[in-house]
Amino acid sequence: MEEATAKQLDLEKVTKDILGTIEREREREIISRRFGLYDRRETLEQIGELLGITRERVRQLEKAVITKLKATAEKDLPHIQAVESALSAHLKDMGNVARISEVTARIKPDSGKVDQARVAFLAHLSPGIAVIDDNDHFHHSIGLGSVHTEKAIRDNVNKIIEAVNKIGEPTSSEVIAKEYGSKDTKHVEALAGISKNLANLHGRWGLTKWPMVNPKNIRDKIYVILHDTKKPMHFSEIAGSIKDSDFRRNDVTTQAIHNELIKDKRFVLIGRGIYALREWGYKRGTVADVIAEVLRKEGNALHRDEIVRRVLKSRQVKETTILLNLQGKSQFKRVAKATYSLAE
């Protein structure tokens, strides 16, 4: 391969040329299928059944081939210096560590699963690149070996999780970096980004079990929308905001959203289809309930204009709606001209 600019790679050609250095066709087949270099990844059992050998034999051959390729990487393996140079350049831009899916997208914007598999394969063979395999706690990722080893990356991510746990609520990467003990916020974000135990939403970082950074159901998504908008919204507006968001499964119906707003005590109806968060100081109840609360707190009769003014602080309704409730409900009585108190 001709030396291209630092961050460019022809993933298909590089992969094909490296596979070409494996002498036996059966071994090339094993590596191709195990890494998913041309199709989906296959298990040891699937490959063994195809080739007529045991699962254990497939594992042994895979390990032997990768070990041999790594041993010849720096001197005899084609393109590997260009590969490492390209991966390193991207990683330096991304905070020294990143998910393979994100690195691949920078190398090839229209990339897919096969391209990601090729980057993972090439990273495994690059002496200066640390590889973190996908598991329950980490996304498939790579890091700059000159900055930290695979073990150091894992340890640092765990320390960041400890820092987030200590903070105890979603917060900015700057606050987390300070608690973690680093001035390099970009690097802290990069480390946090490869963990399956941490999530980021709208600039907030936190544990994946926290709804504010990883809303999983409709109610949590509604809460995040209202919290971030910081003002009451009509249920149709909330539905539109969720559909326009980058939430997973954001294609929920307006009716489904309305149903959840009605059922969840975190949300308070304050007008015709308009909802607010209870934590903002709103209480559930009808307009008549709000009027009664206003008069109860005052302890005396109030002029209707003052009643209207106070009710409108917690309900987005028409003045006539308040006046009709005031005049038409038996729980209120007029004690003077345009002045009302509780009937009790």
Protein backbone atom coordinates (compact mmCIF):
# COMPACT_ATOMS: atom_id res chain seq x y z
CA MET A 1 0.00 0.00 0.00
CA GLU A 2 1.30 3.45 -0.83
CA GLU A 3 1.88 5.68 2.15
CA ALA A 4 -1.30 7.74 2.40
CA THR A 5 -1.98 10.65 4.69
CA ALA A 6 -1.68 9.79 8.36
CA LYS A 7 -5.33 8.97 9.05
CA GLN A 8 -6.32 7.19 5.83
CA LEU A 9 -6.62 3.44 5.47
CA ASP A 10 -7.99 1.17 2.77
CA LEU A 11 -9.37 -1.35 5.24
CA GLU A 12 -10.30 -3.97 2.67
CA LYS A 13 -6.93 -3.92 0.87
CA VAL A 14 -4.88 -3.89 4.07
CA THR A 15 -6.86 -6.79 5.53
CA LYS A 16 -6.61 -8.79 2.31
CA ASP A 17 -2.84 -8.27 2.07
CA ILE A 18 -2.26 -9.31 5.68
CA LEU A 19 -4.43 -12.41 5.28
CA GLY A 20 -2.35 -13.19 2.19
CA THR A 21 0.70 -13.71 4.40
CA ILE A 22 -1.01 -16.70 6.07
CA GLU A 23 0.18 -19.69 4.05
CA ARG A 24 -2.56 -22.24 4.69
CA GLU A 25 -6.04 -21.64 3.37
CA ARG A 26 -7.69 -23.31 6.37
CA GLU A 27 -5.94 -20.92 8.75
CA ARG A 28 -6.94 -17.91 6.63
CA GLU A 29 -10.51 -19.18 6.75
CA ILE A 30 -10.42 -19.47 10.53
CA ILE A 31 -9.08 -15.94 11.04
CA SER A 32 -11.53 -14.44 8.52
CA ARG A 33 -14.52 -16.11 10.14
CA ARG A 34 -13.48 -15.59 13.78
CA PHE A 35 -12.96 -11.86 13.30
CA GLY A 36 -15.83 -11.43 10.81
CA LEU A 37 -13.57 -9.88 8.18
CA TYR A 38 -15.92 -10.54 5.26
CA ASP A 39 -19.18 -11.52 6.93
CA ARG A 40 -20.60 -11.92 10.42
CA ARG A 41 -18.36 -13.31 13.18
CA GLU A 42 -18.64 -17.04 13.76
CA THR A 43 -18.16 -19.16 16.88
CA LEU A 44 -15.52 -21.82 17.39
CA GLU A 45 -18.26 -24.45 17.10
CA GLN A 46 -19.57 -23.09 13.79
CA ILE A 47 -16.12 -22.95 12.22
CA GLY A 48 -15.19 -26.39 13.55
CA GLU A 49 -18.33 -27.90 12.07
CA LEU A 50 -17.63 -26.24 8.71
CA LEU A 51 -14.00 -27.39 8.57
CA GLY A 52 -14.55 -30.79 10.15
CA ILE A 53 -12.33 -30.19 13.18
CA THR A 54 -12.99 -29.77 16.91
CA ARG A 55 -13.80 -26.51 18.65
CA GLU A 56 -10.55 -26.77 20.61
CA ARG A 57 -8.52 -27.26 17.44
CA VAL A 58 -10.04 -24.10 15.94
CA ARG A 59 -9.08 -22.19 19.08
CA GLN A 60 -5.50 -23.52 18.96
CA LEU A 61 -5.05 -22.62 15.28
CA GLU A 62 -6.51 -19.13 15.78
CA LYS A 63 -4.15 -18.44 18.69
CA ALA A 64 -1.12 -19.78 16.80
CA VAL A 65 -1.82 -17.68 13.70
CA ILE A 66 -2.40 -14.44 15.63
CA THR A 67 0.75 -15.04 17.69
CA LYS A 68 2.77 -15.56 14.51
CA LEU A 69 1.33 -12.45 12.85
CA LYS A 70 2.12 -10.34 15.91
CA ALA A 71 5.67 -11.69 16.00
CA THR A 72 6.30 -10.55 12.44
CA ALA A 73 4.23 -7.35 12.66
CA GLU A 74 6.97 -4.73 12.98
CA LYS A 75 9.24 -6.16 10.27
CA ASP A 76 7.42 -8.34 7.78
CA LEU A 77 3.68 -7.67 8.05
CA PRO A 78 2.52 -5.42 5.18
CA HIS A 79 1.09 -1.99 6.01
CA ILE A 80 1.16 -2.46 9.77
CA GLN A 81 3.22 0.68 10.38
CA ALA A 82 0.74 2.71 8.34
CA VAL A 83 -2.12 1.06 10.23
CA GLU A 84 -0.64 1.89 13.62
CA SER A 85 0.14 5.43 12.51
CA ALA A 86 -3.45 5.98 11.34
CA LEU A 87 -5.03 4.47 14.45
CA SER A 88 -2.69 6.45 16.72
CA ALA A 89 -3.48 9.72 14.95
CA HIS A 90 -7.22 9.19 15.41
CA LEU A 91 -6.83 8.14 19.03
CA LYS A 92 -4.80 11.26 19.85
CA ASP A 93 -7.69 13.35 18.51
CA MET A 94 -10.22 11.35 20.54
CA GLY A 95 -8.64 11.41 24.00
CA ASN A 96 -6.19 8.49 23.59
CA VAL A 97 -8.88 5.80 23.84
CA ALA A 98 -12.13 5.18 21.95
CA ARG A 99 -14.67 2.62 20.89
CA ILE A 100 -13.73 0.74 17.73
CA SER A 101 -17.06 1.74 16.17
CA GLU A 102 -16.17 5.44 16.59
CA VAL A 103 -12.61 5.07 15.26
CA THR A 104 -13.92 3.12 12.26
CA ALA A 105 -16.47 5.85 11.51
CA ARG A 106 -13.62 8.37 11.29
CA ILE A 107 -11.63 6.17 8.94
CA LYS A 108 -14.62 5.28 6.80
CA PRO A 109 -17.75 7.41 7.34
CA ASP A 110 -20.10 4.90 5.68
CA SER A 111 -18.64 1.98 7.63
CA GLY A 112 -20.48 -1.11 8.83
CA LYS A 113 -19.91 -4.14 11.06
CA VAL A 114 -17.38 -5.70 8.68
CA ASP A 115 -15.30 -2.51 8.65
CA GLN A 116 -15.34 -2.43 12.45
CA ALA A 117 -14.20 -6.06 12.51
CA ARG A 118 -11.31 -5.20 10.21
CA VAL A 119 -10.21 -2.31 12.44
CA ALA A 120 -10.36 -4.62 15.47
CA PHE A 121 -8.27 -7.23 13.63
CA LEU A 122 -5.66 -4.68 12.54
CA ALA A 123 -5.53 -3.17 16.04
CA HIS A 124 -4.79 -6.62 17.49
CA LEU A 125 -1.74 -6.83 15.25
CA SER A 126 -0.46 -3.30 15.93
CA PRO A 127 2.25 -3.34 18.63
CA GLY A 128 1.50 0.17 19.86
CA ILE A 129 -2.28 -0.27 20.22
CA ALA A 130 -4.00 -1.68 23.32
CA VAL A 131 -7.23 -3.57 22.65
CA ILE A 132 -10.12 -3.89 25.11
CA ASP A 133 -12.45 -6.72 24.16
CA ASP A 134 -16.22 -6.37 24.32
CA ASN A 135 -17.81 -7.78 27.49
CA ASP A 136 -20.47 -6.93 30.08
CA HIS A 137 -18.54 -3.88 31.31
CA PHE A 138 -16.63 -2.55 28.27
CA HIS A 139 -17.38 -1.68 24.67
CA HIS A 140 -14.93 -3.08 22.10
CA SER A 141 -12.28 -0.36 22.22
CA ILE A 142 -8.67 0.55 21.51
CA GLY A 143 -6.18 2.85 23.20
CA LEU A 144 -2.72 4.28 22.68
CA GLY A 145 -0.25 1.80 24.14
CA SER A 146 2.23 4.60 24.77
CA VAL A 147 -0.25 6.22 27.18
CA HIS A 148 -1.58 3.17 29.02
CA THR A 149 -1.74 -0.62 28.84
CA GLU A 150 -4.98 -2.56 28.48
CA LYS A 151 -5.00 -3.20 32.25
CA ALA A 152 -4.34 0.48 33.01
CA ILE A 153 -7.25 1.51 30.79
CA ARG A 154 -9.59 -0.87 32.64
CA ASP A 155 -8.33 0.30 36.03
CA ASN A 156 -8.75 3.97 35.12
CA VAL A 157 -12.29 3.41 33.88
CA ASN A 158 -13.15 1.71 37.17
CA LYS A 159 -11.73 4.70 39.07
CA ILE A 160 -13.94 7.02 37.04
CA ILE A 161 -16.97 4.87 37.90
CA GLU A 162 -15.97 5.16 41.58
CA ALA A 163 -15.79 8.95 41.19
CA VAL A 164 -19.27 9.07 39.62
CA ASN A 165 -20.65 6.88 42.41
CA LYS A 166 -19.14 9.22 44.99
CA ILE A 167 -20.68 12.29 43.32
CA GLY A 168 -23.99 10.43 43.39
CA GLU A 169 -25.84 12.28 40.62
CA PRO A 170 -25.50 13.08 36.89
CA THR A 171 -22.93 15.80 36.36
CA SER A 172 -20.44 17.29 33.90
CA SER A 173 -17.21 15.66 32.78
CA GLU A 174 -15.32 18.58 34.38
CA VAL A 175 -16.71 17.73 37.83
CA ILE A 176 -15.97 14.03 37.31
CA ALA A 177 -12.40 14.79 36.15
CA LYS A 178 -11.80 16.84 39.29
CA GLU A 179 -13.10 14.04 41.54
CA TYR A 180 -11.08 11.50 39.57
CA GLY A 181 -7.96 13.65 39.95
CA SER A 182 -7.21 14.69 36.37
CA LYS A 183 -7.05 17.99 34.52
CA ASP A 184 -7.45 16.25 31.15
CA THR A 185 -11.25 16.33 30.78
CA LYS A 186 -11.12 15.03 27.20
CA HIS A 187 -9.21 11.92 28.30
CA VAL A 188 -11.64 11.34 31.18
CA GLU A 189 -14.58 11.60 28.75
CA ALA A 190 -12.86 9.14 26.42
CA LEU A 191 -12.31 6.63 29.21
CA ALA A 192 -15.90 7.01 30.42
CA GLY A 193 -17.13 6.54 26.86
CA ILE A 194 -15.82 2.99 26.57
CA SER A 195 -17.58 1.81 29.75
CA LYS A 196 -20.96 0.07 29.56
CA ASN A 197 -21.58 1.19 33.15
CA LEU A 198 -21.55 4.90 32.28
CA ALA A 199 -23.73 6.97 29.96
CA ASN A 200 -23.82 10.53 28.68
CA LEU A 201 -26.85 12.60 27.75
CA HIS A 202 -26.99 16.33 26.98
CA GLY A 203 -23.63 16.95 28.64
CA ARG A 204 -24.45 14.96 31.77
CA TRP A 205 -22.49 11.85 32.73
CA GLY A 206 -23.70 9.19 35.14
CA LEU A 207 -24.34 5.52 35.76
CA THR A 208 -26.34 3.71 33.07
CA LYS A 209 -28.98 2.85 35.67
CA TRP A 210 -29.72 6.56 36.17
CA PRO A 211 -32.71 7.67 34.02
CA MET A 212 -31.34 11.19 33.53
CA VAL A 213 -28.45 9.89 31.43
CA ASN A 214 -29.98 6.67 30.12
CA PRO A 215 -33.79 6.92 29.96
CA LYS A 216 -35.19 3.52 29.04
CA ASN A 217 -38.96 3.90 29.28
CA ILE A 218 -41.39 6.54 28.04
CA ARG A 219 -41.87 8.12 31.46
CA ASP A 220 -38.16 8.70 31.96
CA LYS A 221 -37.85 10.23 28.49
CA ILE A 222 -40.74 12.59 29.27
CA TYR A 223 -39.02 13.57 32.52
CA VAL A 224 -35.72 14.33 30.74
CA ILE A 225 -37.49 16.46 28.10
CA LEU A 226 -39.36 18.53 30.70
CA HIS A 227 -36.30 18.81 32.96
CA ASP A 228 -34.08 20.06 30.14
CA THR A 229 -36.72 22.36 28.63
CA LYS A 230 -37.28 23.91 32.09
CA LYS A 231 -40.87 24.90 31.38
CA PRO A 232 -44.34 23.29 31.15
CA MET A 233 -45.20 21.72 27.79
CA HIS A 234 -48.26 20.41 25.98
CA PHE A 235 -48.20 16.62 25.63
CA SER A 236 -48.04 16.95 21.83
CA GLU A 237 -44.92 19.14 22.17
CA ILE A 238 -43.36 16.55 24.46
CA ALA A 239 -44.12 13.85 21.88
CA GLY A 240 -42.49 15.93 19.16
CA SER A 241 -39.40 16.53 21.28
CA ILE A 242 -39.00 12.82 21.98
CA LYS A 243 -39.36 11.97 18.28
CA ASP A 244 -36.72 14.58 17.41
CA SER A 245 -34.35 13.35 20.12
CA ASP A 246 -31.51 10.84 19.89
CA PHE A 247 -33.19 8.57 22.44
CA ARG A 248 -33.36 4.90 21.62
CA ARG A 249 -36.81 3.88 20.38
CA ASN A 250 -38.04 7.44 19.97
CA ASP A 251 -40.96 6.48 17.71
CA VAL A 252 -43.58 6.45 20.49
CA THR A 253 -47.11 7.65 19.82
CA THR A 254 -48.57 10.88 21.17
CA GLN A 255 -51.35 8.91 22.86
CA ALA A 256 -48.83 6.67 24.63
CA ILE A 257 -47.03 9.73 25.95
CA HIS A 258 -50.29 11.28 27.15
CA ASN A 259 -51.18 8.06 28.97
CA GLU A 260 -47.85 8.02 30.80
CA LEU A 261 -48.19 11.68 31.79
CA ILE A 262 -51.53 10.90 33.41
CA LYS A 263 -50.23 7.89 35.36
CA ASP A 264 -46.89 9.18 36.68
CA LYS A 265 -46.98 11.30 39.84
CA ARG A 266 -43.88 13.23 38.73
CA PHE A 267 -46.04 15.10 36.20
CA VAL A 268 -48.80 17.58 36.99
CA LEU A 269 -51.54 18.73 34.60
CA ILE A 270 -51.63 22.53 34.84
CA GLY A 271 -53.71 23.39 31.79
CA ARG A 272 -55.49 21.86 28.80
CA GLY A 273 -52.98 19.13 27.91
CA ILE A 274 -50.13 21.11 29.51
CA TYR A 275 -47.87 19.33 32.00
CA ALA A 276 -45.18 20.43 34.44
CA LEU A 277 -42.86 18.65 36.85
CA ARG A 278 -44.09 18.20 40.40
CA GLU A 279 -40.61 19.08 41.67
CA TRP A 280 -41.09 22.62 40.34
CA GLY A 281 -43.64 23.17 43.12
CA TYR A 282 -46.80 22.18 41.29
CA LYS A 283 -49.46 20.04 42.99
CA ARG A 284 -52.03 17.77 41.41
CA GLY A 285 -55.65 18.88 41.53
CA THR A 286 -58.40 20.72 39.73
CA VAL A 287 -58.65 24.50 39.36
CA ALA A 288 -61.11 24.44 42.25
CA ASP A 289 -58.53 22.59 44.38
CA VAL A 290 -55.96 25.29 43.62
CA ILE A 291 -58.40 28.09 44.50
CA ALA A 292 -59.18 26.34 47.78
CA GLU A 293 -55.46 26.01 48.55
CA VAL A 294 -54.92 29.73 47.83
CA LEU A 295 -57.74 30.73 50.21
CA ARG A 296 -56.65 28.23 52.85
CA LYS A 297 -53.09 29.59 52.86
CA GLU A 298 -54.35 33.18 53.04
CA GLY A 299 -56.68 32.41 55.94
CA ASN A 300 -58.97 35.25 54.91
CA ALA A 301 -61.19 36.31 52.04
CA LEU A 302 -59.51 37.57 48.85
CA HIS A 303 -60.56 39.74 45.95
CA ARG A 304 -61.20 37.70 42.83
CA ASP A 305 -58.40 39.48 40.91
CA GLU A 306 -55.89 38.42 43.57
CA ILE A 307 -57.25 34.86 43.50
CA VAL A 308 -56.86 34.78 39.71
CA ARG A 309 -53.30 36.12 39.94
CA ARG A 310 -52.25 33.47 42.43
CA VAL A 311 -53.95 30.58 40.64
CA LEU A 312 -52.26 31.51 37.38
CA LYS A 313 -48.89 30.94 39.07
CA SER A 314 -49.61 27.22 39.15
CA ARG A 315 -52.14 26.69 36.36
CA GLN A 316 -52.09 27.68 32.69
CA VAL A 317 -55.82 28.24 32.24
CA LYS A 318 -58.07 31.08 31.14
CA GLU A 319 -59.16 33.65 33.73
CA THR A 320 -62.77 32.84 32.92
CA THR A 321 -62.17 29.21 33.94
CA ILE A 322 -60.98 30.38 37.37
CA LEU A 323 -63.93 32.76 37.76
CA LEU A 324 -66.46 30.11 36.74
CA ASN A 325 -65.03 27.75 39.39
CA LEU A 326 -65.05 30.52 41.97
CA GLN A 327 -68.65 31.47 41.30
CA GLY A 328 -70.06 28.05 40.52
CA LYS A 329 -68.60 25.83 43.26
CA SER A 330 -70.37 25.48 46.59
CA GLN A 331 -67.06 25.32 48.45
CA PHE A 332 -66.57 29.08 47.85
CA LYS A 333 -68.78 31.94 49.04
CA ARG A 334 -68.89 35.61 48.15
CA VAL A 335 -68.49 37.67 51.32
CA ALA A 336 -68.30 41.12 49.71
CA LYS A 337 -68.26 42.65 46.25
CA ALA A 338 -65.94 40.46 44.09
CA THR A 339 -64.44 39.05 47.30
CA TYR A 340 -64.49 35.32 48.17
CA SER A 341 -63.63 32.95 50.99
CA LEU A 342 -63.99 29.23 51.67
CA ALA A 343 -67.57 28.28 52.47
CA GLU A 344 -66.43 26.25 55.46
